[in-house]
PDB file of N, CA and C in Angstrom:
ATOM      1  N   MET A   1       0.859  -1.160   0.009  1.00  0.00           N
ATOM      2  CA  MET A   1      -0.007   0.009   0.003  1.00  0.00           C
ATOM      3  C   MET A   1       0.918   1.231  -0.015  1.00  0.00           C
ATOM      4  N   LYS A   2       0.606   2.179  -0.882  1.00  0.00           N
ATOM      5  CA  LYS A   2       1.439   3.404  -0.962  1.00  0.00           C
ATOM      6  C   LYS A   2       1.259   4.262   0.280  1.00  0.00           C
ATOM      7  N   LYS A   3       2.291   5.027   0.601  1.00  0.00           N
ATOM      8  CA  LYS A   3       2.269   5.850   1.800  1.00  0.00           C
ATOM      9  C   LYS A   3       1.148   6.858   1.815  1.00  0.00           C
ATOM     10  N   LYS A   4       0.747   7.377   0.676  1.00  0.00           N
ATOM     11  CA  LYS A   4      -0.287   8.393   0.652  1.00  0.00           C
ATOM     12  C   LYS A   4      -1.654   7.845   1.077  1.00  0.00           C
ATOM     13  N   TYR A   5      -1.806   6.504   1.076  1.00  0.00           N
ATOM     14  CA  TYR A   5      -3.064   5.903   1.441  1.00  0.00           C
ATOM     15  C   TYR A   5      -3.110   5.507   2.924  1.00  0.00           C
ATOM     16  N   ILE A   6      -2.046   5.817   3.685  1.00  0.00           N
ATOM     17  CA  ILE A   6      -2.000   5.379   5.078  1.00  0.00           C
ATOM     18  C   ILE A   6      -2.059   6.620   6.003  1.00  0.00           C
ATOM     19  N   ILE A   7      -2.883   6.547   7.037  1.00  0.00           N
ATOM     20  CA  ILE A   7      -2.974   7.566   8.046  1.00  0.00           C
ATOM     21  C   ILE A   7      -2.049   7.154   9.172  1.00  0.00           C
ATOM     22  N   ARG A   8      -1.088   7.992   9.507  1.00  0.00           N
ATOM     23  CA  ARG A   8      -0.097   7.595  10.541  1.00  0.00           C
ATOM     24  C   ARG A   8      -0.154   8.531  11.776  1.00  0.00           C
ATOM     25  N   LYS A   9      -0.544   9.769  11.595  1.00  0.00           N
ATOM     26  CA  LYS A   9      -0.507  10.714  12.691  1.00  0.00           C
ATOM     27  C   LYS A   9      -1.594  10.447  13.719  1.00  0.00           C
ATOM     28  N   ASN A  10      -1.228  10.399  14.949  1.00  0.00           N
ATOM     29  CA  ASN A  10      -2.141  10.083  16.031  1.00  0.00           C
ATOM     30  C   ASN A  10      -3.237  11.160  16.128  1.00  0.00           C
ATOM     31  N   GLU A  11      -2.884  12.435  15.827  1.00  0.00           N
ATOM     32  CA  GLU A  11      -3.893  13.493  15.901  1.00  0.00           C
ATOM     33  C   GLU A  11      -5.017  13.268  14.866  1.00  0.00           C
ATOM     34  N   GLU A  12      -4.622  12.823  13.675  1.00  0.00           N
ATOM     35  CA  GLU A  12      -5.592  12.571  12.646  1.00  0.00           C
ATOM     36  C   GLU A  12      -6.497  11.383  13.018  1.00  0.00           C
ATOM     37  N   ILE A  13      -5.897  10.356  13.550  1.00  0.00           N
ATOM     38  CA  ILE A  13      -6.656   9.146  13.944  1.00  0.00           C
ATOM     39  C   ILE A  13      -7.658   9.523  15.029  1.00  0.00           C
ATOM     40  N   GLN A  14      -7.197  10.267  16.042  1.00  0.00           N
ATOM     41  CA  GLN A  14      -8.075  10.647  17.119  1.00  0.00           C
ATOM     42  C   GLN A  14      -9.238  11.532  16.653  1.00  0.00           C
ATOM     43  N   LYS A  15      -8.955  12.404  15.713  1.00  0.00           N
ATOM     44  CA  LYS A  15     -10.002  13.287  15.134  1.00  0.00           C
ATOM     45  C   LYS A  15     -11.055  12.460  14.397  1.00  0.00           C
ATOM     46  N   ILE A  16     -10.588  11.462  13.642  1.00  0.00           N
ATOM     47  CA  ILE A  16     -11.554  10.635  12.892  1.00  0.00           C
ATOM     48  C   ILE A  16     -12.401   9.829  13.880  1.00  0.00           C
ATOM     49  N   VAL A  17     -11.774   9.266  14.930  1.00  0.00           N
ATOM     50  CA  VAL A  17     -12.515   8.450  15.873  1.00  0.00           C
ATOM     51  C   VAL A  17     -13.564   9.302  16.613  1.00  0.00           C
ATOM     52  N   LYS A  18     -13.192  10.483  17.000  1.00  0.00           N
ATOM     53  CA  LYS A  18     -14.091  11.343  17.807  1.00  0.00           C
ATOM     54  C   LYS A  18     -15.204  11.974  17.002  1.00  0.00           C
ATOM     55  N   LYS A  19     -14.922  12.368  15.765  1.00  0.00           N
ATOM     56  CA  LYS A  19     -15.875  13.191  15.002  1.00  0.00           C
ATOM     57  C   LYS A  19     -16.491  12.519  13.794  1.00  0.00           C
ATOM     58  N   SER A  20     -16.449  11.219  13.728  1.00  0.00           N
ATOM     59  CA  SER A  20     -16.927  10.562  12.511  1.00  0.00           C
ATOM     60  C   SER A  20     -18.011   9.559  12.789  1.00  0.00           C
ATOM     61  N   LYS A  21     -18.507   8.978  11.707  1.00  0.00           N
ATOM     62  CA  LYS A  21     -19.506   7.930  11.800  1.00  0.00           C
ATOM     63  C   LYS A  21     -18.824   6.614  12.132  1.00  0.00           C
ATOM     64  N   LYS A  22     -19.595   5.676  12.675  1.00  0.00           N
ATOM     65  CA  LYS A  22     -18.997   4.410  13.101  1.00  0.00           C
ATOM     66  C   LYS A  22     -19.893   3.254  12.619  1.00  0.00           C
ATOM     67  N   ILE A  23     -19.227   2.209  12.110  1.00  0.00           N
ATOM     68  CA  ILE A  23     -19.929   0.991  11.722  1.00  0.00           C
ATOM     69  C   ILE A  23     -19.328  -0.142  12.565  1.00  0.00           C
ATOM     70  N   VAL A  24     -20.208  -0.946  13.171  1.00  0.00           N
ATOM     71  CA  VAL A  24     -19.753  -2.075  13.960  1.00  0.00           C
ATOM     72  C   VAL A  24     -20.252  -3.356  13.269  1.00  0.00           C
ATOM     73  N   SER A  25     -19.337  -4.257  12.948  1.00  0.00           N
ATOM     74  CA  SER A  25     -19.721  -5.542  12.336  1.00  0.00           C
ATOM     75  C   SER A  25     -19.125  -6.661  13.206  1.00  0.00           C
ATOM     76  N   LYS A  26     -19.273  -7.865  12.736  1.00  0.00           N
ATOM     77  CA  LYS A  26     -18.856  -9.018  13.512  1.00  0.00           C
ATOM     78  C   LYS A  26     -17.331  -8.976  13.747  1.00  0.00           C
ATOM     79  N   TYR A  27     -16.580  -8.592  12.749  1.00  0.00           N
ATOM     80  CA  TYR A  27     -15.117  -8.635  12.832  1.00  0.00           C
ATOM     81  C   TYR A  27     -14.431  -7.266  12.927  1.00  0.00           C
ATOM     82  N   TYR A  28     -15.125  -6.175  12.661  1.00  0.00           N
ATOM     83  CA  TYR A  28     -14.515  -4.880  12.564  1.00  0.00           C
ATOM     84  C   TYR A  28     -15.320  -3.802  13.262  1.00  0.00           C
ATOM     85  N   ILE A  29     -14.607  -2.775  13.697  1.00  0.00           N
ATOM     86  CA  ILE A  29     -15.229  -1.492  14.088  1.00  0.00           C
ATOM     87  C   ILE A  29     -14.538  -0.482  13.139  1.00  0.00           C
ATOM     88  N   ILE A  30     -15.362   0.223  12.336  1.00  0.00           N
ATOM     89  CA  ILE A  30     -14.798   1.101  11.355  1.00  0.00           C
ATOM     90  C   ILE A  30     -15.343   2.508  11.566  1.00  0.00           C
ATOM     91  N   TYR A  31     -14.446   3.446  11.749  1.00  0.00           N
ATOM     92  CA  TYR A  31     -14.770   4.896  11.792  1.00  0.00           C
ATOM     93  C   TYR A  31     -14.431   5.473  10.455  1.00  0.00           C
ATOM     94  N   PHE A  32     -15.284   6.349   9.926  1.00  0.00           N
ATOM     95  CA  PHE A  32     -14.976   6.938   8.606  1.00  0.00           C
ATOM     96  C   PHE A  32     -15.566   8.324   8.500  1.00  0.00           C
ATOM     97  N   GLN A  33     -14.888   9.139   7.719  1.00  0.00           N
ATOM     98  CA  GLN A  33     -15.386  10.469   7.385  1.00  0.00           C
ATOM     99  C   GLN A  33     -14.794  10.876   6.035  1.00  0.00           C
ATOM    100  N   LYS A  34     -15.505  11.783   5.381  1.00  0.00           N
ATOM    101  CA  LYS A  34     -15.066  12.269   4.069  1.00  0.00           C
ATOM    102  C   LYS A  34     -13.762  13.059   4.229  1.00  0.00           C
ATOM    103  N   ASN A  35     -12.922  12.995   3.180  1.00  0.00           N
ATOM    104  CA  ASN A  35     -11.681  13.800   3.179  1.00  0.00           C
ATOM    105  C   ASN A  35     -11.683  14.669   1.926  1.00  0.00           C
ATOM    106  N   ASN A  36     -10.605  15.472   1.811  1.00  0.00           N
ATOM    107  CA  ASN A  36     -10.505  16.412   0.665  1.00  0.00           C
ATOM    108  C   ASN A  36      -9.628  15.878  -0.459  1.00  0.00           C
ATOM    109  N   TYR A  37      -9.364  14.582  -0.422  1.00  0.00           N
ATOM    110  CA  TYR A  37      -8.510  13.977  -1.472  1.00  0.00           C
ATOM    111  C   TYR A  37      -9.397  13.220  -2.431  1.00  0.00           C
ATOM    112  N   LEU A  38      -8.827  12.751  -3.485  1.00  0.00           N
ATOM    113  CA  LEU A  38      -9.533  11.955  -4.519  1.00  0.00           C
ATOM    114  C   LEU A  38      -9.333  10.441  -4.276  1.00  0.00           C
ATOM    115  N   TYR A  39      -8.879  10.093  -3.101  1.00  0.00           N
ATOM    116  CA  TYR A  39      -8.605   8.706  -2.771  1.00  0.00           C
ATOM    117  C   TYR A  39      -8.920   8.466  -1.302  1.00  0.00           C
ATOM    118  N   ASN A  40      -9.028   7.190  -0.940  1.00  0.00           N
ATOM    119  CA  ASN A  40      -9.258   6.809   0.474  1.00  0.00           C
ATOM    120  C   ASN A  40      -7.932   6.742   1.202  1.00  0.00           C
ATOM    121  N   ARG A  41      -8.012   6.977   2.525  1.00  0.00           N
ATOM    122  CA  ARG A  41      -6.821   6.759   3.397  1.00  0.00           C
ATOM    123  C   ARG A  41      -7.252   5.831   4.501  1.00  0.00           C
ATOM    124  N   TYR A  42      -6.331   4.995   4.950  1.00  0.00           N
ATOM    125  CA  TYR A  42      -6.655   3.942   5.946  1.00  0.00           C
ATOM    126  C   TYR A  42      -5.699   3.915   7.102  1.00  0.00           C
ATOM    127  N   CYS A  43      -6.226   3.522   8.236  1.00  0.00           N
ATOM    128  CA  CYS A  43      -5.412   3.143   9.372  1.00  0.00           C
ATOM    129  C   CYS A  43      -5.985   1.830   9.925  1.00  0.00           C
ATOM    130  N   VAL A  44      -5.122   0.831  10.056  1.00  0.00           N
ATOM    131  CA  VAL A  44      -5.554  -0.475  10.535  1.00  0.00           C
ATOM    132  C   VAL A  44      -4.966  -0.672  11.921  1.00  0.00           C
ATOM    133  N   SER A  45      -5.842  -0.957  12.900  1.00  0.00           N
ATOM    134  CA  SER A  45      -5.408  -1.131  14.268  1.00  0.00           C
ATOM    135  C   SER A  45      -5.783  -2.510  14.725  1.00  0.00           C
ATOM    136  N   VAL A  46      -4.785  -3.202  15.338  1.00  0.00           N
ATOM    137  CA  VAL A  46      -5.014  -4.553  15.862  1.00  0.00           C
ATOM    138  C   VAL A  46      -4.562  -4.604  17.321  1.00  0.00           C
ATOM    139  N   SER A  47      -5.458  -5.024  18.180  1.00  0.00           N
ATOM    140  CA  SER A  47      -5.211  -5.076  19.596  1.00  0.00           C
ATOM    141  C   SER A  47      -4.237  -6.201  19.991  1.00  0.00           C
ATOM    142  N   LYS A  48      -3.580  -6.037  21.094  1.00  0.00           N
ATOM    143  CA  LYS A  48      -2.669  -7.083  21.584  1.00  0.00           C
ATOM    144  C   LYS A  48      -3.439  -8.319  22.019  1.00  0.00           C
ATOM    145  N   LYS A  49      -4.733  -8.201  22.213  1.00  0.00           N
ATOM    146  CA  LYS A  49      -5.561  -9.340  22.532  1.00  0.00           C
ATOM    147  C   LYS A  49      -5.609 -10.353  21.390  1.00  0.00           C
ATOM    148  N   ILE A  50      -5.392  -9.895  20.182  1.00  0.00           N
ATOM    149  CA  ILE A  50      -5.445 -10.744  18.985  1.00  0.00           C
ATOM    150  C   ILE A  50      -4.267 -11.745  18.992  1.00  0.00           C
ATOM    151  N   GLY A  51      -3.089 -11.301  19.431  1.00  0.00           N
ATOM    152  CA  GLY A  51      -1.973 -12.205  19.495  1.00  0.00           C
ATOM    153  C   GLY A  51      -0.664 -11.429  19.587  1.00  0.00           C
ATOM    154  N   LYS A  52       0.427 -12.143  19.398  1.00  0.00           N
ATOM    155  CA  LYS A  52       1.739 -11.534  19.449  1.00  0.00           C
ATOM    156  C   LYS A  52       1.989 -10.683  18.188  1.00  0.00           C
ATOM    157  N   ALA A  53       3.098 -10.055  18.124  1.00  0.00           N
ATOM    158  CA  ALA A  53       3.396  -9.105  17.040  1.00  0.00           C
ATOM    159  C   ALA A  53       3.286  -9.711  15.652  1.00  0.00           C
ATOM    160  N   HIS A  54       3.824 -10.901  15.492  1.00  0.00           N
ATOM    161  CA  HIS A  54       3.799 -11.524  14.160  1.00  0.00           C
ATOM    162  C   HIS A  54       2.366 -11.871  13.744  1.00  0.00           C
ATOM    163  N   VAL A  55       1.495 -12.187  14.674  1.00  0.00           N
ATOM    164  CA  VAL A  55       0.103 -12.483  14.369  1.00  0.00           C
ATOM    165  C   VAL A  55      -0.644 -11.173  14.007  1.00  0.00           C
ATOM    166  N   ARG A  56      -0.398 -10.122  14.795  1.00  0.00           N
ATOM    167  CA  ARG A  56      -1.046  -8.816  14.505  1.00  0.00           C
ATOM    168  C   ARG A  56      -0.606  -8.302  13.119  1.00  0.00           C
ATOM    169  N   ASN A  57       0.683  -8.475  12.826  1.00  0.00           N
ATOM    170  CA  ASN A  57       1.170  -8.021  11.514  1.00  0.00           C
ATOM    171  C   ASN A  57       0.558  -8.823  10.381  1.00  0.00           C
ATOM    172  N   LEU A  58       0.341 -10.102  10.597  1.00  0.00           N
ATOM    173  CA  LEU A  58      -0.322 -10.940   9.566  1.00  0.00           C
ATOM    174  C   LEU A  58      -1.697 -10.392   9.266  1.00  0.00           C
ATOM    175  N   TYR A  59      -2.480 -10.058  10.275  1.00  0.00           N
ATOM    176  CA  TYR A  59      -3.815  -9.522  10.048  1.00  0.00           C
ATOM    177  C   TYR A  59      -3.789  -8.142   9.368  1.00  0.00           C
ATOM    178  N   LYS A  60      -2.804  -7.328   9.742  1.00  0.00           N
ATOM    179  CA  LYS A  60      -2.676  -6.018   9.081  1.00  0.00           C
ATOM    180  C   LYS A  60      -2.353  -6.199   7.625  1.00  0.00           C
ATOM    181  N   ARG A  61      -1.453  -7.105   7.287  1.00  0.00           N
ATOM    182  CA  ARG A  61      -1.114  -7.359   5.899  1.00  0.00           C
ATOM    183  C   ARG A  61      -2.309  -7.897   5.142  1.00  0.00           C
ATOM    184  N   ARG A  62      -3.094  -8.767   5.749  1.00  0.00           N
ATOM    185  CA  ARG A  62      -4.284  -9.274   5.069  1.00  0.00           C
ATOM    186  C   ARG A  62      -5.271  -8.165   4.759  1.00  0.00           C
ATOM    187  N   ILE A  63      -5.531  -7.308   5.743  1.00  0.00           N
ATOM    188  CA  ILE A  63      -6.480  -6.220   5.546  1.00  0.00           C
ATOM    189  C   ILE A  63      -5.982  -5.276   4.444  1.00  0.00           C
ATOM    190  N   LYS A  64      -4.711  -4.920   4.484  1.00  0.00           N
ATOM    191  CA  LYS A  64      -4.159  -4.039   3.445  1.00  0.00           C
ATOM    192  C   LYS A  64      -4.214  -4.673   2.110  1.00  0.00           C
ATOM    193  N   ASP A  65      -3.992  -6.001   2.005  1.00  0.00           N
ATOM    194  CA  ASP A  65      -4.111  -6.703   0.756  1.00  0.00           C
ATOM    195  C   ASP A  65      -5.536  -6.647   0.206  1.00  0.00           C
ATOM    196  N   ILE A  66      -6.511  -6.828   1.067  1.00  0.00           N
ATOM    197  CA  ILE A  66      -7.911  -6.743   0.665  1.00  0.00           C
ATOM    198  C   ILE A  66      -8.229  -5.356   0.138  1.00  0.00           C
ATOM    199  N   LEU A  67      -7.770  -4.331   0.816  1.00  0.00           N
ATOM    200  CA  LEU A  67      -8.041  -2.962   0.414  1.00  0.00           C
ATOM    201  C   LEU A  67      -7.396  -2.595  -0.911  1.00  0.00           C
ATOM    202  N   ILE A  68      -6.184  -3.150  -1.193  1.00  0.00           N
ATOM    203  CA  ILE A  68      -5.508  -2.858  -2.439  1.00  0.00           C
ATOM    204  C   ILE A  68      -6.181  -3.549  -3.604  1.00  0.00           C
ATOM    205  N   LYS A  69      -6.595  -4.832  -3.393  1.00  0.00           N
ATOM    206  CA  LYS A  69      -7.165  -5.597  -4.489  1.00  0.00           C
ATOM    207  C   LYS A  69      -8.582  -5.177  -4.836  1.00  0.00           C
ATOM    208  N   ASN A  70      -9.306  -4.574  -3.911  1.00  0.00           N
ATOM    209  CA  ASN A  70     -10.699  -4.175  -4.153  1.00  0.00           C
ATOM    210  C   ASN A  70     -10.743  -2.664  -4.138  1.00  0.00           C
ATOM    211  N   ASP A  71     -10.748  -2.057  -5.275  1.00  0.00           N
ATOM    212  CA  ASP A  71     -10.675  -0.605  -5.370  1.00  0.00           C
ATOM    213  C   ASP A  71     -12.014   0.017  -4.969  1.00  0.00           C
ATOM    214  N   ILE A  72     -12.064   0.550  -3.752  1.00  0.00           N
ATOM    215  CA  ILE A  72     -13.236   1.228  -3.238  1.00  0.00           C
ATOM    216  C   ILE A  72     -12.838   2.656  -3.035  1.00  0.00           C
ATOM    217  N   ASN A  73     -13.377   3.573  -3.860  1.00  0.00           N
ATOM    218  CA  ASN A  73     -12.996   4.955  -3.692  1.00  0.00           C
ATOM    219  C   ASN A  73     -14.198   5.799  -3.351  1.00  0.00           C
ATOM    220  N   ASN A  74     -14.278   6.182  -2.058  1.00  0.00           N
ATOM    221  CA  ASN A  74     -15.327   7.049  -1.553  1.00  0.00           C
ATOM    222  C   ASN A  74     -14.786   8.389  -1.114  1.00  0.00           C
ATOM    223  N   SER A  75     -13.486   8.636  -1.363  1.00  0.00           N
ATOM    224  CA  SER A  75     -12.807   9.845  -0.846  1.00  0.00           C
ATOM    225  C   SER A  75     -13.038   9.993   0.666  1.00  0.00           C
ATOM    226  N   SER A  76     -12.685   8.963   1.395  1.00  0.00           N
ATOM    227  CA  SER A  76     -12.909   8.965   2.833  1.00  0.00           C
ATOM    228  C   SER A  76     -11.662   8.507   3.557  1.00  0.00           C
ATOM    229  N   ASP A  77     -11.635   8.843   4.852  1.00  0.00           N
ATOM    230  CA  ASP A  77     -10.610   8.354   5.740  1.00  0.00           C
ATOM    231  C   ASP A  77     -11.219   7.255   6.616  1.00  0.00           C
ATOM    232  N   TYR A  78     -10.539   6.148   6.777  1.00  0.00           N
ATOM    233  CA  TYR A  78     -11.047   5.019   7.538  1.00  0.00           C
ATOM    234  C   TYR A  78     -10.065   4.651   8.630  1.00  0.00           C
ATOM    235  N   VAL A  79     -10.608   4.411   9.831  1.00  0.00           N
ATOM    236  CA  VAL A  79      -9.839   3.772  10.918  1.00  0.00           C
ATOM    237  C   VAL A  79     -10.508   2.431  11.130  1.00  0.00           C
ATOM    238  N   ILE A  80      -9.779   1.352  10.828  1.00  0.00           N
ATOM    239  CA  ILE A  80     -10.324  -0.004  10.900  1.00  0.00           C
ATOM    240  C   ILE A  80      -9.711  -0.701  12.113  1.00  0.00           C
ATOM    241  N   ILE A  81     -10.557  -1.047  13.062  1.00  0.00           N
ATOM    242  CA  ILE A  81     -10.125  -1.739  14.287  1.00  0.00           C
ATOM    243  C   ILE A  81     -10.639  -3.166  14.193  1.00  0.00           C
ATOM    244  N   LEU A  82      -9.727  -4.115  14.352  1.00  0.00           N
ATOM    245  CA  LEU A  82     -10.125  -5.537  14.278  1.00  0.00           C
ATOM    246  C   LEU A  82     -10.590  -5.995  15.678  1.00  0.00           C
ATOM    247  N   ARG A  83     -11.640  -6.840  15.661  1.00  0.00           N
ATOM    248  CA  ARG A  83     -12.186  -7.351  16.876  1.00  0.00           C
ATOM    249  C   ARG A  83     -11.685  -8.780  17.118  1.00  0.00           C
ATOM    250  N   ASN A  84     -11.847  -9.269  18.338  1.00  0.00           N
ATOM    251  CA  ASN A  84     -11.312 -10.570  18.697  1.00  0.00           C
ATOM    252  C   ASN A  84     -11.916 -11.726  17.895  1.00  0.00           C
ATOM    253  N   ALA A  85     -13.102 -11.567  17.377  1.00  0.00           N
ATOM    254  CA  ALA A  85     -13.758 -12.621  16.643  1.00  0.00           C
ATOM    255  C   ALA A  85     -13.043 -12.954  15.340  1.00  0.00           C
ATOM    256  N   ILE A  86     -12.076 -12.154  14.913  1.00  0.00           N
ATOM    257  CA  ILE A  86     -11.380 -12.355  13.635  1.00  0.00           C
ATOM    258  C   ILE A  86     -10.290 -13.433  13.718  1.00  0.00           C
ATOM    259  N   ILE A  87      -9.998 -13.887  14.925  1.00  0.00           N
ATOM    260  CA  ILE A  87      -8.853 -14.799  15.137  1.00  0.00           C
ATOM    261  C   ILE A  87      -8.933 -16.084  14.290  1.00  0.00           C
ATOM    262  N   ASN A  88     -10.053 -16.772  14.259  1.00  0.00           N
ATOM    263  CA  ASN A  88     -10.137 -18.038  13.552  1.00  0.00           C
ATOM    264  C   ASN A  88     -10.998 -17.921  12.310  1.00  0.00           C
ATOM    265  N   VAL A  89     -10.817 -16.835  11.571  1.00  0.00           N
ATOM    266  CA  VAL A  89     -11.624 -16.596  10.367  1.00  0.00           C
ATOM    267  C   VAL A  89     -10.752 -16.766   9.155  1.00  0.00           C
ATOM    268  N   SER A  90     -11.295 -17.298   8.072  1.00  0.00           N
ATOM    269  CA  SER A  90     -10.580 -17.442   6.849  1.00  0.00           C
ATOM    270  C   SER A  90     -10.394 -16.122   6.127  1.00  0.00           C
ATOM    271  N   TYR A  91      -9.453 -16.072   5.256  1.00  0.00           N
ATOM    272  CA  TYR A  91      -9.162 -14.835   4.488  1.00  0.00           C
ATOM    273  C   TYR A  91     -10.386 -14.446   3.685  1.00  0.00           C
ATOM    274  N   GLU A  92     -11.091 -15.395   3.052  1.00  0.00           N
ATOM    275  CA  GLU A  92     -12.231 -15.109   2.241  1.00  0.00           C
ATOM    276  C   GLU A  92     -13.372 -14.483   3.074  1.00  0.00           C
ATOM    277  N   ASP A  93     -13.614 -15.013   4.264  1.00  0.00           N
ATOM    278  CA  ASP A  93     -14.650 -14.427   5.114  1.00  0.00           C
ATOM    279  C   ASP A  93     -14.266 -13.003   5.532  1.00  0.00           C
ATOM    280  N   MET A  94     -12.989 -12.778   5.842  1.00  0.00           N
ATOM    281  CA  MET A  94     -12.532 -11.427   6.182  1.00  0.00           C
ATOM    282  C   MET A  94     -12.788 -10.511   5.014  1.00  0.00           C
ATOM    283  N   ARG A  95     -12.444 -10.923   3.824  1.00  0.00           N
ATOM    284  CA  ARG A  95     -12.589 -10.087   2.629  1.00  0.00           C
ATOM    285  C   ARG A  95     -14.060  -9.771   2.383  1.00  0.00           C
ATOM    286  N   LEU A  96     -14.936 -10.746   2.420  1.00  0.00           N
ATOM    287  CA  LEU A  96     -16.347 -10.488   2.137  1.00  0.00           C
ATOM    288  C   LEU A  96     -16.956  -9.540   3.145  1.00  0.00           C
ATOM    289  N   GLU A  97     -16.674  -9.723   4.407  1.00  0.00           N
ATOM    290  CA  GLU A  97     -17.208  -8.876   5.472  1.00  0.00           C
ATOM    291  C   GLU A  97     -16.703  -7.397   5.317  1.00  0.00           C
ATOM    292  N   LEU A  98     -15.379  -7.259   5.066  1.00  0.00           N
ATOM    293  CA  LEU A  98     -14.811  -5.933   4.942  1.00  0.00           C
ATOM    294  C   LEU A  98     -15.365  -5.189   3.724  1.00  0.00           C
ATOM    295  N   ILE A  99     -15.453  -5.869   2.612  1.00  0.00           N
ATOM    296  CA  ILE A  99     -15.954  -5.228   1.377  1.00  0.00           C
ATOM    297  C   ILE A  99     -17.415  -4.862   1.542  1.00  0.00           C
ATOM    298  N   ASN A 100     -18.238  -5.713   2.137  1.00  0.00           N
ATOM    299  CA  ASN A 100     -19.649  -5.402   2.360  1.00  0.00           C
ATOM    300  C   ASN A 100     -19.829  -4.186   3.251  1.00  0.00           C
ATOM    301  N   VAL A 101     -18.972  -4.151   4.292  1.00  0.00           N
ATOM    302  CA  VAL A 101     -19.102  -2.998   5.263  1.00  0.00           C
ATOM    303  C   VAL A 101     -18.636  -1.693   4.606  1.00  0.00           C
ATOM    304  N   LEU A 102     -17.528  -1.738   3.852  1.00  0.00           N
ATOM    305  CA  LEU A 102     -17.015  -0.505   3.250  1.00  0.00           C
ATOM    306  C   LEU A 102     -17.913   0.000   2.115  1.00  0.00           C
ATOM    307  N   LYS A 103     -18.484  -0.882   1.356  1.00  0.00           N
ATOM    308  CA  LYS A 103     -19.404  -0.489   0.268  1.00  0.00           C
ATOM    309  C   LYS A 103     -20.703  -0.021   0.793  1.00  0.00           C
ATOM    310  N   GLY A 104     -21.060  -0.425   2.009  1.00  0.00           N
ATOM    311  CA  GLY A 104     -22.347  -0.052   2.600  1.00  0.00           C
ATOM    312  C   GLY A 104     -22.333   1.299   3.296  1.00  0.00           C
ATOM    313  N   ASP A 105     -21.178   1.882   3.564  1.00  0.00           N
ATOM    314  CA  ASP A 105     -21.137   3.176   4.296  1.00  0.00           C
ATOM    315  C   ASP A 105     -21.593   4.320   3.393  1.00  0.00           C
ATOM    316  N   LYS A 106     -22.257   5.230   3.974  1.00  0.00           N
ATOM    317  CA  LYS A 106     -22.709   6.440   3.211  1.00  0.00           C
ATOM    318  C   LYS A 106     -22.475   7.671   4.002  1.00  0.00           C
TER     319      LYS A 106
END
């Protein structure tokens, strides 16, 4: 994923979480708001409850792979938080749930 598509600054993440809409699904909590760019920006957060660092990084890589392969352009900023239920889920189930949730936001 290119750097311009990633939200890294804590101030931006906190602003999105506090002042935006929220979608809660079985595997994700997603905060989103419109941005002034022509592309989406993402932040993927995985709790230490999910597992050790290599497990958390695996889930982050999977989510970023899903986002790259499925071009969803709403000109929005997203903070995607993974829930504990995602631990024993297949890649395909993760993909279907995330795409349905992101395409359903308005």
